Each structure stands twice: as structure tokens, then as C-alpha cells.
Amino acid sequence: MPQFYITNESTEDTLDSTDDLQEAIRIAREATRQVQVGDPVCVEYEGKTIKQFVLMPDGKVVEEALR
């Protein structure tokens, strides 16, 4: 059973899942390039967001600090 889920927070869709954190981060960064500017893509573990990425207007993917 996968431990890490990659989700689009705006649509609440699960985009992918994996057992490896580094793979989850790679997938999330790639998925962030496919969503609307400003839509957060998150890596979730045990139902909690542990990483969050956003596409900026200039095309860069940045990791946002979690609150």
C-alpha cells in the first residue's frame, strides 16, 4: 500500500501515489507544471500534507512553506 499520495489541492484529485518520498517529490514537481498557476500540488503522508508545490507565473515550481 502506498504511503505517499500526490494531490491537487484545488480539485482535491489524487494524481499519483508511491512508497518512496523522493519519488513522491519528483512526481509532485512534475505534476505542478501541469496545473494552473497558483494551484498547490501536495505530497501527503498519513492524511497530512508534508510538502506543497506551486507553479509561479514565470513557470518556476517552488516549494511553499506549510502553515
PDB file of N, CA and C in Angstrom:
ATOM      1  N   MET A   1       0.841  -1.185   0.000  1.00  0.00           N
ATOM      2  CA  MET A   1       0.000   0.000   0.000  1.00  0.00           C
ATOM      3  C   MET A   1       0.886   1.249   0.000  1.00  0.00           C
ATOM      4  N   PRO A   2       0.632   2.193  -0.904  1.00  0.00           N
ATOM      5  CA  PRO A   2       1.452   3.401  -0.973  1.00  0.00           C
ATOM      6  C   PRO A   2       1.370   4.224   0.306  1.00  0.00           C
ATOM      7  N   GLN A   3       2.462   4.860   0.638  1.00  0.00           N
ATOM      8  CA  GLN A   3       2.495   5.703   1.825  1.00  0.00           C
ATOM      9  C   GLN A   3       2.300   7.174   1.480  1.00  0.00           C
ATOM     10  N   PHE A   4       2.735   7.586   0.290  1.00  0.00           N
ATOM     11  CA  PHE A   4       2.710   8.991  -0.101  1.00  0.00           C
ATOM     12  C   PHE A   4       1.742   9.185  -1.257  1.00  0.00           C
ATOM     13  N   TYR A   5       0.864  10.169  -1.114  1.00  0.00           N
ATOM     14  CA  TYR A   5      -0.107  10.487  -2.145  1.00  0.00           C
ATOM     15  C   TYR A   5       0.165  11.890  -2.668  1.00  0.00           C
ATOM     16  N   ILE A   6       0.065  12.061  -3.980  1.00  0.00           N
ATOM     17  CA  ILE A   6       0.258  13.354  -4.610  1.00  0.00           C
ATOM     18  C   ILE A   6      -1.121  13.848  -5.007  1.00  0.00           C
ATOM     19  N   THR A   7      -1.494  15.028  -4.513  1.00  0.00           N
ATOM     20  CA  THR A   7      -2.838  15.542  -4.746  1.00  0.00           C
ATOM     21  C   THR A   7      -2.815  16.973  -5.274  1.00  0.00           C
ATOM     22  N   ASN A   8      -3.828  17.292  -6.066  1.00  0.00           N
ATOM     23  CA  ASN A   8      -4.068  18.665  -6.493  1.00  0.00           C
ATOM     24  C   ASN A   8      -5.052  19.237  -5.475  1.00  0.00           C
ATOM     25  N   GLU A   9      -4.605  20.165  -4.672  1.00  0.00           N
ATOM     26  CA  GLU A   9      -5.442  20.703  -3.601  1.00  0.00           C
ATOM     27  C   GLU A   9      -6.635  21.489  -4.125  1.00  0.00           C
ATOM     28  N   SER A  10      -6.520  22.083  -5.297  1.00  0.00           N
ATOM     29  CA  SER A  10      -7.626  22.878  -5.845  1.00  0.00           C
ATOM     30  C   SER A  10      -8.793  21.995  -6.273  1.00  0.00           C
ATOM     31  N   THR A  11      -8.473  20.850  -6.862  1.00  0.00           N
ATOM     32  CA  THR A  11      -9.529  19.953  -7.345  1.00  0.00           C
ATOM     33  C   THR A  11      -9.763  18.779  -6.398  1.00  0.00           C
ATOM     34  N   GLU A  12      -8.883  18.615  -5.426  1.00  0.00           N
ATOM     35  CA  GLU A  12      -8.915  17.504  -4.474  1.00  0.00           C
ATOM     36  C   GLU A  12      -8.738  16.142  -5.143  1.00  0.00           C
ATOM     37  N   ASP A  13      -8.117  16.154  -6.326  1.00  0.00           N
ATOM     38  CA  ASP A  13      -7.850  14.910  -7.051  1.00  0.00           C
ATOM     39  C   ASP A  13      -6.540  14.297  -6.573  1.00  0.00           C
ATOM     40  N   THR A  14      -6.521  12.977  -6.444  1.00  0.00           N
ATOM     41  CA  THR A  14      -5.280  12.257  -6.203  1.00  0.00           C
ATOM     42  C   THR A  14      -4.657  11.990  -7.565  1.00  0.00           C
ATOM     43  N   LEU A  15      -3.448  12.501  -7.756  1.00  0.00           N
ATOM     44  CA  LEU A  15      -2.778  12.392  -9.051  1.00  0.00           C
ATOM     45  C   LEU A  15      -1.938  11.136  -9.179  1.00  0.00           C
ATOM     46  N   ASP A  16      -1.360  10.691  -8.068  1.00  0.00           N
ATOM     47  CA  ASP A  16      -0.490   9.518  -8.096  1.00  0.00           C
ATOM     48  C   ASP A  16      -0.182   9.111  -6.660  1.00  0.00           C
ATOM     49  N   SER A  17       0.529   8.011  -6.508  1.00  0.00           N
ATOM     50  CA  SER A  17       0.960   7.558  -5.185  1.00  0.00           C
ATOM     51  C   SER A  17       2.223   6.727  -5.334  1.00  0.00           C
ATOM     52  N   THR A  18       2.985   6.636  -4.250  1.00  0.00           N
ATOM     53  CA  THR A  18       4.233   5.881  -4.261  1.00  0.00           C
ATOM     54  C   THR A  18       4.644   5.546  -2.831  1.00  0.00           C
ATOM     55  N   ASP A  19       5.567   4.621  -2.701  1.00  0.00           N
ATOM     56  CA  ASP A  19       6.101   4.245  -1.392  1.00  0.00           C
ATOM     57  C   ASP A  19       7.353   5.037  -1.026  1.00  0.00           C
ATOM     58  N   ASP A  20       7.894   5.807  -1.984  1.00  0.00           N
ATOM     59  CA  ASP A  20       9.175   6.474  -1.800  1.00  0.00           C
ATOM     60  C   ASP A  20       9.000   7.997  -1.760  1.00  0.00           C
ATOM     61  N   LEU A  21       9.497   8.639  -0.714  1.00  0.00           N
ATOM     62  CA  LEU A  21       9.344  10.086  -0.559  1.00  0.00           C
ATOM     63  C   LEU A  21      10.012  10.847  -1.700  1.00  0.00           C
ATOM     64  N   GLN A  22      11.225  10.486  -2.076  1.00  0.00           N
ATOM     65  CA  GLN A  22      11.911  11.204  -3.151  1.00  0.00           C
ATOM     66  C   GLN A  22      11.155  11.080  -4.475  1.00  0.00           C
ATOM     67  N   GLU A  23      10.601   9.920  -4.734  1.00  0.00           N
ATOM     68  CA  GLU A  23       9.789   9.717  -5.930  1.00  0.00           C
ATOM     69  C   GLU A  23       8.514  10.562  -5.843  1.00  0.00           C
ATOM     70  N   ALA A  24       7.911  10.639  -4.679  1.00  0.00           N
ATOM     71  CA  ALA A  24       6.710  11.457  -4.492  1.00  0.00           C
ATOM     72  C   ALA A  24       7.003  12.929  -4.775  1.00  0.00           C
ATOM     73  N   ILE A  25       8.146  13.414  -4.318  1.00  0.00           N
ATOM     74  CA  ILE A  25       8.539  14.803  -4.562  1.00  0.00           C
ATOM     75  C   ILE A  25       8.761  15.027  -6.058  1.00  0.00           C
ATOM     76  N   ARG A  26       9.418  14.100  -6.719  1.00  0.00           N
ATOM     77  CA  ARG A  26       9.651  14.228  -8.166  1.00  0.00           C
ATOM     78  C   ARG A  26       8.326  14.272  -8.924  1.00  0.00           C
ATOM     79  N   ILE A  27       7.417  13.364  -8.578  1.00  0.00           N
ATOM     80  CA  ILE A  27       6.109  13.313  -9.234  1.00  0.00           C
ATOM     81  C   ILE A  27       5.330  14.607  -8.972  1.00  0.00           C
ATOM     82  N   ALA A  28       5.367  15.091  -7.741  1.00  0.00           N
ATOM     83  CA  ALA A  28       4.640  16.314  -7.391  1.00  0.00           C
ATOM     84  C   ALA A  28       5.177  17.513  -8.165  1.00  0.00           C
ATOM     85  N   ARG A  29       6.487  17.623  -8.277  1.00  0.00           N
ATOM     86  CA  ARG A  29       7.091  18.742  -9.032  1.00  0.00           C
ATOM     87  C   ARG A  29       6.677  18.671 -10.504  1.00  0.00           C
ATOM     88  N   GLU A  30       6.689  17.480 -11.060  1.00  0.00           N
ATOM     89  CA  GLU A  30       6.275  17.297 -12.454  1.00  0.00           C
ATOM     90  C   GLU A  30       4.792  17.634 -12.626  1.00  0.00           C
ATOM     91  N   ALA A  31       3.963  17.172 -11.703  1.00  0.00           N
ATOM     92  CA  ALA A  31       2.527  17.448 -11.775  1.00  0.00           C
ATOM     93  C   ALA A  31       2.230  18.938 -11.626  1.00  0.00           C
ATOM     94  N   THR A  32       3.027  19.628 -10.840  1.00  0.00           N
ATOM     95  CA  THR A  32       2.821  21.063 -10.625  1.00  0.00           C
ATOM     96  C   THR A  32       2.964  21.825 -11.932  1.00  0.00           C
ATOM     97  N   ARG A  33       3.803  21.357 -12.817  1.00  0.00           N
ATOM     98  CA  ARG A  33       3.989  22.020 -14.120  1.00  0.00           C
ATOM     99  C   ARG A  33       2.760  21.880 -15.011  1.00  0.00           C
ATOM    100  N   GLN A  34       1.840  20.965 -14.664  1.00  0.00           N
ATOM    101  CA  GLN A  34       0.658  20.687 -15.489  1.00  0.00           C
ATOM    102  C   GLN A  34      -0.611  21.361 -14.982  1.00  0.00           C
ATOM    103  N   VAL A  35      -0.557  22.028 -13.833  1.00  0.00           N
ATOM    104  CA  VAL A  35      -1.757  22.651 -13.264  1.00  0.00           C
ATOM    105  C   VAL A  35      -1.731  24.161 -13.501  1.00  0.00           C
ATOM    106  N   GLN A  36      -2.795  24.813 -13.100  1.00  0.00           N
ATOM    107  CA  GLN A  36      -2.892  26.263 -13.226  1.00  0.00           C
ATOM    108  C   GLN A  36      -1.902  26.947 -12.289  1.00  0.00           C
ATOM    109  N   VAL A  37      -1.424  28.112 -12.700  1.00  0.00           N
ATOM    110  CA  VAL A  37      -0.548  28.922 -11.845  1.00  0.00           C
ATOM    111  C   VAL A  37      -1.245  29.145 -10.501  1.00  0.00           C
ATOM    112  N   GLY A  38      -0.525  28.890  -9.420  1.00  0.00           N
ATOM    113  CA  GLY A  38      -1.047  29.113  -8.078  1.00  0.00           C
ATOM    114  C   GLY A  38      -1.776  27.937  -7.448  1.00  0.00           C
ATOM    115  N   ASP A  39      -2.111  26.906  -8.243  1.00  0.00           N
ATOM    116  CA  ASP A  39      -2.780  25.731  -7.679  1.00  0.00           C
ATOM    117  C   ASP A  39      -1.753  24.865  -6.950  1.00  0.00           C
ATOM    118  N   PRO A  40      -1.955  24.601  -5.676  1.00  0.00           N
ATOM    119  CA  PRO A  40      -0.994  23.785  -4.936  1.00  0.00           C
ATOM    120  C   PRO A  40      -1.110  22.296  -5.255  1.00  0.00           C
ATOM    121  N   VAL A  41       0.042  21.674  -5.422  1.00  0.00           N
ATOM    122  CA  VAL A  41       0.136  20.219  -5.540  1.00  0.00           C
ATOM    123  C   VAL A  41       0.875  19.752  -4.297  1.00  0.00           C
ATOM    124  N   CYS A  42       0.301  18.786  -3.597  1.00  0.00           N
ATOM    125  CA  CYS A  42       0.826  18.384  -2.296  1.00  0.00           C
ATOM    126  C   CYS A  42       1.256  16.927  -2.278  1.00  0.00           C
ATOM    127  N   VAL A  43       2.225  16.660  -1.410  1.00  0.00           N
ATOM    128  CA  VAL A  43       2.600  15.298  -1.056  1.00  0.00           C
ATOM    129  C   VAL A  43       1.996  15.068   0.327  1.00  0.00           C
ATOM    130  N   GLU A  44       1.172  14.042   0.424  1.00  0.00           N
ATOM    131  CA  GLU A  44       0.517  13.732   1.698  1.00  0.00           C
ATOM    132  C   GLU A  44       1.036  12.414   2.254  1.00  0.00           C
ATOM    133  N   TYR A  45       1.159  12.373   3.571  1.00  0.00           N
ATOM    134  CA  TYR A  45       1.574  11.179   4.283  1.00  0.00           C
ATOM    135  C   TYR A  45       0.638  11.015   5.469  1.00  0.00           C
ATOM    136  N   GLU A  46      -0.002   9.863   5.553  1.00  0.00           N
ATOM    137  CA  GLU A  46      -0.962   9.578   6.623  1.00  0.00           C
ATOM    138  C   GLU A  46      -2.011  10.681   6.745  1.00  0.00           C
ATOM    139  N   GLY A  47      -2.478  11.175   5.586  1.00  0.00           N
ATOM    140  CA  GLY A  47      -3.547  12.159   5.563  1.00  0.00           C
ATOM    141  C   GLY A  47      -3.126  13.592   5.834  1.00  0.00           C
ATOM    142  N   LYS A  48      -1.823  13.831   6.002  1.00  0.00           N
ATOM    143  CA  LYS A  48      -1.336  15.182   6.281  1.00  0.00           C
ATOM    144  C   LYS A  48      -0.377  15.623   5.175  1.00  0.00           C
ATOM    145  N   THR A  49      -0.483  16.892   4.800  1.00  0.00           N
ATOM    146  CA  THR A  49       0.412  17.444   3.794  1.00  0.00           C
ATOM    147  C   THR A  49       1.793  17.641   4.401  1.00  0.00           C
ATOM    148  N   ILE A  50       2.807  17.075   3.731  1.00  0.00           N
ATOM    149  CA  ILE A  50       4.176  17.233   4.222  1.00  0.00           C
ATOM    150  C   ILE A  50       5.028  18.084   3.282  1.00  0.00           C
ATOM    151  N   LYS A  51       4.598  18.231   2.027  1.00  0.00           N
ATOM    152  CA  LYS A  51       5.278  19.077   1.040  1.00  0.00           C
ATOM    153  C   LYS A  51       4.196  19.700   0.171  1.00  0.00           C
ATOM    154  N   GLN A  52       4.428  20.951  -0.258  1.00  0.00           N
ATOM    155  CA  GLN A  52       3.471  21.614  -1.128  1.00  0.00           C
ATOM    156  C   GLN A  52       4.231  22.424  -2.174  1.00  0.00           C
ATOM    157  N   PHE A  53       3.835  22.256  -3.434  1.00  0.00           N
ATOM    158  CA  PHE A  53       4.492  22.933  -4.547  1.00  0.00           C
ATOM    159  C   PHE A  53       3.472  23.752  -5.327  1.00  0.00           C
ATOM    160  N   VAL A  54       3.950  24.889  -5.894  1.00  0.00           N
ATOM    161  CA  VAL A  54       3.082  25.781  -6.654  1.00  0.00           C
ATOM    162  C   VAL A  54       3.820  26.243  -7.902  1.00  0.00           C
ATOM    163  N   LEU A  55       3.081  26.356  -9.004  1.00  0.00           N
ATOM    164  CA  LEU A  55       3.615  26.897 -10.243  1.00  0.00           C
ATOM    165  C   LEU A  55       3.494  28.415 -10.202  1.00  0.00           C
ATOM    166  N   MET A  56       4.610  29.093 -10.410  1.00  0.00           N
ATOM    167  CA  MET A  56       4.648  30.550 -10.407  1.00  0.00           C
ATOM    168  C   MET A  56       4.365  31.079 -11.822  1.00  0.00           C
ATOM    169  N   PRO A  57       3.963  32.343 -11.948  1.00  0.00           N
ATOM    170  CA  PRO A  57       3.674  32.913 -13.272  1.00  0.00           C
ATOM    171  C   PRO A  57       4.848  32.843 -14.243  1.00  0.00           C
ATOM    172  N   ASP A  58       6.069  32.837 -13.728  1.00  0.00           N
ATOM    173  CA  ASP A  58       7.245  32.770 -14.602  1.00  0.00           C
ATOM    174  C   ASP A  58       7.602  31.335 -15.010  1.00  0.00           C
ATOM    175  N   GLY A  59       6.778  30.351 -14.588  1.00  0.00           N
ATOM    176  CA  GLY A  59       6.989  28.964 -14.966  1.00  0.00           C
ATOM    177  C   GLY A  59       7.815  28.147 -13.993  1.00  0.00           C
ATOM    178  N   LYS A  60       8.348  28.781 -12.940  1.00  0.00           N
ATOM    179  CA  LYS A  60       9.126  28.043 -11.939  1.00  0.00           C
ATOM    180  C   LYS A  60       8.193  27.329 -10.966  1.00  0.00           C
ATOM    181  N   VAL A  61       8.632  26.170 -10.523  1.00  0.00           N
ATOM    182  CA  VAL A  61       7.931  25.423  -9.476  1.00  0.00           C
ATOM    183  C   VAL A  61       8.650  25.711  -8.166  1.00  0.00           C
ATOM    184  N   VAL A  62       7.909  26.175  -7.174  1.00  0.00           N
ATOM    185  CA  VAL A  62       8.504  26.479  -5.878  1.00  0.00           C
ATOM    186  C   VAL A  62       7.800  25.681  -4.794  1.00  0.00           C
ATOM    187  N   GLU A  63       8.578  25.365  -3.766  1.00  0.00           N
ATOM    188  CA  GLU A  63       8.004  24.705  -2.595  1.00  0.00           C
ATOM    189  C   GLU A  63       7.515  25.772  -1.651  1.00  0.00           C
ATOM    190  N   GLU A  64       6.263  25.653  -1.211  1.00  0.00           N
ATOM    191  CA  GLU A  64       5.701  26.618  -0.274  1.00  0.00           C
ATOM    192  C   GLU A  64       5.857  26.101   1.149  1.00  0.00           C
ATOM    193  N   ALA A  65       6.049  27.025   2.050  1.00  0.00           N
ATOM    194  CA  ALA A  65       6.116  26.667   3.474  1.00  0.00           C
ATOM    195  C   ALA A  65       4.721  26.248   3.935  1.00  0.00           C
ATOM    196  N   LEU A  66       4.675  25.241   4.752  1.00  0.00           N
ATOM    197  CA  LEU A  66       3.411  24.776   5.310  1.00  0.00           C
ATOM    198  C   LEU A  66       3.065  25.558   6.554  1.00  0.00           C
ATOM    199  N   ARG A  67       1.807  25.824   6.734  1.00  0.00           N
ATOM    200  CA  ARG A  67       1.353  26.575   7.913  1.00  0.00           C
ATOM    201  C   ARG A  67       0.811  25.656   8.952  1.00  0.00           C
TER     202      ARG A  67
END
